């Protein structure tokens, strides 16, 4: 896979995981503690599956991309 396509996949995975994770505060505010904990765990699992399912393969093919995305994230607080 070419680097540009790999970057699109990596950024989409990171943004998707972030979007899913952004549900946690909402659920904390409106759910019972038991319901919140169940949803929190499901969200963590979904987020992990997205990133672990895609990023290792992308970064294995384009190792420099991981550092580039991390640097961008550190500077701007979100993936490039």
N, C-alpha and C. Protein backbone atom coordinates (compact mmCIF):
# COMPACT_ATOMS: atom_id res chain seq x y z
N UNK A 1 0.84 -1.17 0.00
CA UNK A 1 0.00 0.00 0.00
C UNK A 1 0.89 1.24 0.00
N UNK A 2 0.49 2.25 -0.74
CA UNK A 2 1.30 3.46 -0.79
C UNK A 2 1.12 4.25 0.51
N UNK A 3 2.07 5.12 0.79
CA UNK A 3 2.12 5.85 2.05
C UNK A 3 0.91 6.75 2.24
N UNK A 4 0.46 7.41 1.20
CA UNK A 4 -0.68 8.32 1.32
C UNK A 4 -1.94 7.57 1.75
N UNK A 5 -2.17 6.42 1.16
CA UNK A 5 -3.34 5.61 1.53
C UNK A 5 -3.19 5.10 2.96
N UNK A 6 -2.00 4.68 3.32
CA UNK A 6 -1.75 4.22 4.68
C UNK A 6 -2.04 5.32 5.69
N UNK A 7 -1.66 6.54 5.37
CA UNK A 7 -1.91 7.66 6.27
C UNK A 7 -3.41 7.92 6.41
N UNK A 8 -4.14 7.83 5.33
CA UNK A 8 -5.60 8.01 5.39
C UNK A 8 -6.21 6.98 6.32
N UNK A 9 -5.78 5.74 6.21
CA UNK A 9 -6.30 4.67 7.06
C UNK A 9 -5.95 4.92 8.53
N UNK A 10 -4.70 5.28 8.79
CA UNK A 10 -4.27 5.52 10.17
C UNK A 10 -5.04 6.67 10.80
N UNK A 11 -5.17 7.76 10.09
CA UNK A 11 -5.88 8.91 10.62
C UNK A 11 -7.36 8.58 10.83
N UNK A 12 -7.96 7.87 9.91
CA UNK A 12 -9.36 7.48 10.07
C UNK A 12 -9.54 6.58 11.30
N UNK A 13 -8.62 5.66 11.51
CA UNK A 13 -8.70 4.79 12.69
C UNK A 13 -8.60 5.60 13.97
N UNK A 14 -7.65 6.52 14.02
CA UNK A 14 -7.47 7.34 15.23
C UNK A 14 -8.66 8.26 15.47
N UNK A 15 -9.17 8.85 14.42
CA UNK A 15 -10.34 9.73 14.57
C UNK A 15 -11.59 8.94 14.97
N UNK A 16 -11.74 7.76 14.41
CA UNK A 16 -12.89 6.92 14.78
C UNK A 16 -12.82 6.53 16.25
N UNK A 17 -11.65 6.14 16.69
CA UNK A 17 -11.48 5.77 18.10
C UNK A 17 -11.75 6.97 19.00
N UNK A 18 -11.28 8.14 18.61
CA UNK A 18 -11.52 9.35 19.40
C UNK A 18 -13.01 9.67 19.46
N UNK A 19 -13.68 9.55 18.34
CA UNK A 19 -15.12 9.83 18.30
C UNK A 19 -15.89 8.88 19.21
N UNK A 20 -15.54 7.62 19.18
CA UNK A 20 -16.18 6.64 20.05
C UNK A 20 -15.88 6.99 21.52
N UNK A 21 -14.64 7.31 21.82
CA UNK A 21 -14.25 7.64 23.19
C UNK A 21 -14.95 8.90 23.71
N UNK A 22 -15.31 9.80 22.82
CA UNK A 22 -16.00 11.03 23.22
C UNK A 22 -17.40 10.76 23.76
N UNK A 23 -17.91 9.57 23.60
CA UNK A 23 -19.22 9.22 24.15
C UNK A 23 -19.17 9.01 25.66
N UNK A 24 -18.01 8.72 26.20
CA UNK A 24 -17.89 8.37 27.62
C UNK A 24 -18.43 9.47 28.54
N UNK A 25 -18.05 10.74 28.40
CA UNK A 25 -18.58 11.76 29.31
C UNK A 25 -20.11 11.89 29.22
N UNK A 26 -20.65 11.79 28.03
CA UNK A 26 -22.09 11.85 27.86
C UNK A 26 -22.77 10.72 28.63
N UNK A 27 -22.27 9.51 28.45
CA UNK A 27 -22.86 8.36 29.13
C UNK A 27 -22.71 8.47 30.64
N UNK A 28 -21.60 9.01 31.10
CA UNK A 28 -21.37 9.21 32.54
C UNK A 28 -22.44 10.14 33.10
N UNK A 29 -22.82 11.14 32.32
CA UNK A 29 -23.78 12.14 32.78
C UNK A 29 -25.22 11.64 32.79
N UNK A 30 -25.56 10.69 31.90
CA UNK A 30 -26.97 10.34 31.77
C UNK A 30 -27.33 8.91 32.18
N UNK A 31 -26.35 8.07 32.41
CA UNK A 31 -26.62 6.67 32.72
C UNK A 31 -26.44 6.39 34.21
N UNK A 32 -27.08 5.32 34.64
CA UNK A 32 -26.78 4.84 35.99
C UNK A 32 -25.33 4.39 36.02
N UNK A 33 -24.76 4.26 37.21
CA UNK A 33 -23.36 3.86 37.34
C UNK A 33 -23.12 2.50 36.69
N UNK A 34 -24.03 1.57 36.93
CA UNK A 34 -23.88 0.22 36.36
C UNK A 34 -23.97 0.25 34.84
N UNK A 35 -24.92 0.98 34.32
CA UNK A 35 -25.06 1.08 32.87
C UNK A 35 -23.86 1.79 32.26
N UNK A 36 -23.42 2.86 32.91
CA UNK A 36 -22.24 3.60 32.44
C UNK A 36 -21.02 2.70 32.36
N UNK A 37 -20.77 1.93 33.41
CA UNK A 37 -19.60 1.06 33.44
C UNK A 37 -19.64 0.03 32.32
N UNK A 38 -20.83 -0.52 32.06
CA UNK A 38 -20.96 -1.49 30.98
C UNK A 38 -20.67 -0.84 29.63
N UNK A 39 -21.24 0.34 29.40
CA UNK A 39 -21.00 1.04 28.14
C UNK A 39 -19.56 1.51 28.02
N UNK A 40 -18.99 1.99 29.12
CA UNK A 40 -17.59 2.42 29.11
C UNK A 40 -16.68 1.28 28.66
N UNK A 41 -16.94 0.11 29.19
CA UNK A 41 -16.12 -1.05 28.82
C UNK A 41 -16.31 -1.44 27.36
N UNK A 42 -17.54 -1.36 26.87
CA UNK A 42 -17.79 -1.65 25.46
C UNK A 42 -17.10 -0.64 24.55
N UNK A 43 -17.15 0.61 24.95
CA UNK A 43 -16.51 1.67 24.17
C UNK A 43 -15.00 1.47 24.14
N UNK A 44 -14.42 1.14 25.27
CA UNK A 44 -12.98 0.89 25.32
C UNK A 44 -12.61 -0.27 24.41
N UNK A 45 -13.41 -1.31 24.43
CA UNK A 45 -13.16 -2.48 23.57
C UNK A 45 -13.26 -2.11 22.09
N UNK A 46 -14.28 -1.35 21.74
CA UNK A 46 -14.47 -0.94 20.34
C UNK A 46 -13.32 -0.06 19.87
N UNK A 47 -12.93 0.88 20.70
CA UNK A 47 -11.83 1.78 20.36
C UNK A 47 -10.54 0.99 20.16
N UNK A 48 -10.28 0.06 21.06
CA UNK A 48 -9.08 -0.76 20.96
C UNK A 48 -9.11 -1.62 19.69
N UNK A 49 -10.24 -2.18 19.37
CA UNK A 49 -10.34 -3.02 18.17
C UNK A 49 -10.07 -2.22 16.91
N UNK A 50 -10.57 -1.01 16.85
CA UNK A 50 -10.34 -0.16 15.68
C UNK A 50 -8.85 0.13 15.52
N UNK A 51 -8.23 0.60 16.60
CA UNK A 51 -6.82 0.97 16.48
C UNK A 51 -5.91 -0.24 16.34
N UNK A 52 -6.12 -1.27 17.14
CA UNK A 52 -5.26 -2.45 17.07
C UNK A 52 -5.52 -3.29 15.83
N UNK A 53 -6.69 -3.13 15.26
CA UNK A 53 -7.00 -3.86 14.04
C UNK A 53 -6.38 -3.25 12.79
N UNK A 54 -6.06 -1.97 12.85
CA UNK A 54 -5.57 -1.29 11.65
C UNK A 54 -4.15 -0.73 11.78
N UNK A 55 -3.86 -0.09 12.90
CA UNK A 55 -2.58 0.63 13.00
C UNK A 55 -1.34 -0.25 12.93
N UNK A 56 -1.30 -1.42 13.56
CA UNK A 56 -0.07 -2.21 13.46
C UNK A 56 0.32 -2.55 12.02
N UNK A 57 -0.64 -2.86 11.20
CA UNK A 57 -0.35 -3.20 9.80
C UNK A 57 0.13 -1.96 9.04
N UNK A 58 -0.54 -0.85 9.25
CA UNK A 58 -0.15 0.39 8.58
C UNK A 58 1.28 0.78 8.98
N UNK A 59 1.56 0.76 10.28
CA UNK A 59 2.87 1.18 10.75
C UNK A 59 3.96 0.16 10.43
N UNK A 60 3.60 -1.09 10.27
CA UNK A 60 4.59 -2.09 9.86
C UNK A 60 5.07 -1.80 8.44
N UNK A 61 4.17 -1.33 7.60
CA UNK A 61 4.53 -1.01 6.21
C UNK A 61 5.19 0.35 6.07
N UNK A 62 4.83 1.28 6.97
CA UNK A 62 5.33 2.66 6.89
C UNK A 62 5.70 3.12 8.29
N UNK A 63 6.81 2.64 8.79
CA UNK A 63 7.24 2.91 10.17
C UNK A 63 7.37 4.41 10.45
N UNK A 64 7.81 5.18 9.48
CA UNK A 64 7.98 6.62 9.69
C UNK A 64 6.65 7.34 9.90
N UNK A 65 5.58 6.75 9.45
CA UNK A 65 4.26 7.36 9.56
C UNK A 65 3.82 7.46 11.02
N UNK A 66 4.17 6.49 11.81
CA UNK A 66 3.80 6.51 13.23
C UNK A 66 4.39 7.75 13.92
N UNK A 67 5.65 8.00 13.69
CA UNK A 67 6.30 9.17 14.30
C UNK A 67 5.70 10.47 13.78
N UNK A 68 5.40 10.52 12.50
CA UNK A 68 4.81 11.73 11.92
C UNK A 68 3.45 12.03 12.53
N UNK A 69 2.62 11.00 12.64
CA UNK A 69 1.28 11.19 13.21
C UNK A 69 1.37 11.56 14.68
N UNK A 70 2.27 10.92 15.41
CA UNK A 70 2.45 11.23 16.83
C UNK A 70 2.92 12.68 17.02
N UNK A 71 3.84 13.13 16.20
CA UNK A 71 4.33 14.51 16.30
C UNK A 71 3.21 15.50 16.02
N UNK A 72 2.40 15.20 15.02
CA UNK A 72 1.27 16.06 14.69
C UNK A 72 0.28 16.09 15.85
N UNK A 73 0.02 14.93 16.42
CA UNK A 73 -0.91 14.83 17.56
C UNK A 73 -0.39 15.63 18.75
N UNK A 74 0.90 15.52 19.03
CA UNK A 74 1.48 16.27 20.14
C UNK A 74 1.38 17.78 19.93
N UNK A 75 1.50 18.20 18.70
CA UNK A 75 1.46 19.64 18.40
C UNK A 75 0.05 20.19 18.37
N UNK A 76 -0.88 19.42 17.75
CA UNK A 76 -2.22 19.95 17.51
C UNK A 76 -3.34 19.27 18.32
N UNK A 77 -2.99 18.18 19.02
CA UNK A 77 -3.99 17.51 19.84
C UNK A 77 -4.95 16.62 19.11
N UNK A 78 -4.63 16.35 17.85
CA UNK A 78 -5.44 15.44 17.04
C UNK A 78 -4.62 14.91 15.89
N UNK A 79 -5.02 13.77 15.32
CA UNK A 79 -4.23 13.21 14.23
C UNK A 79 -4.29 14.09 12.99
N UNK A 80 -3.24 14.02 12.19
CA UNK A 80 -3.14 14.82 10.97
C UNK A 80 -4.20 14.45 9.97
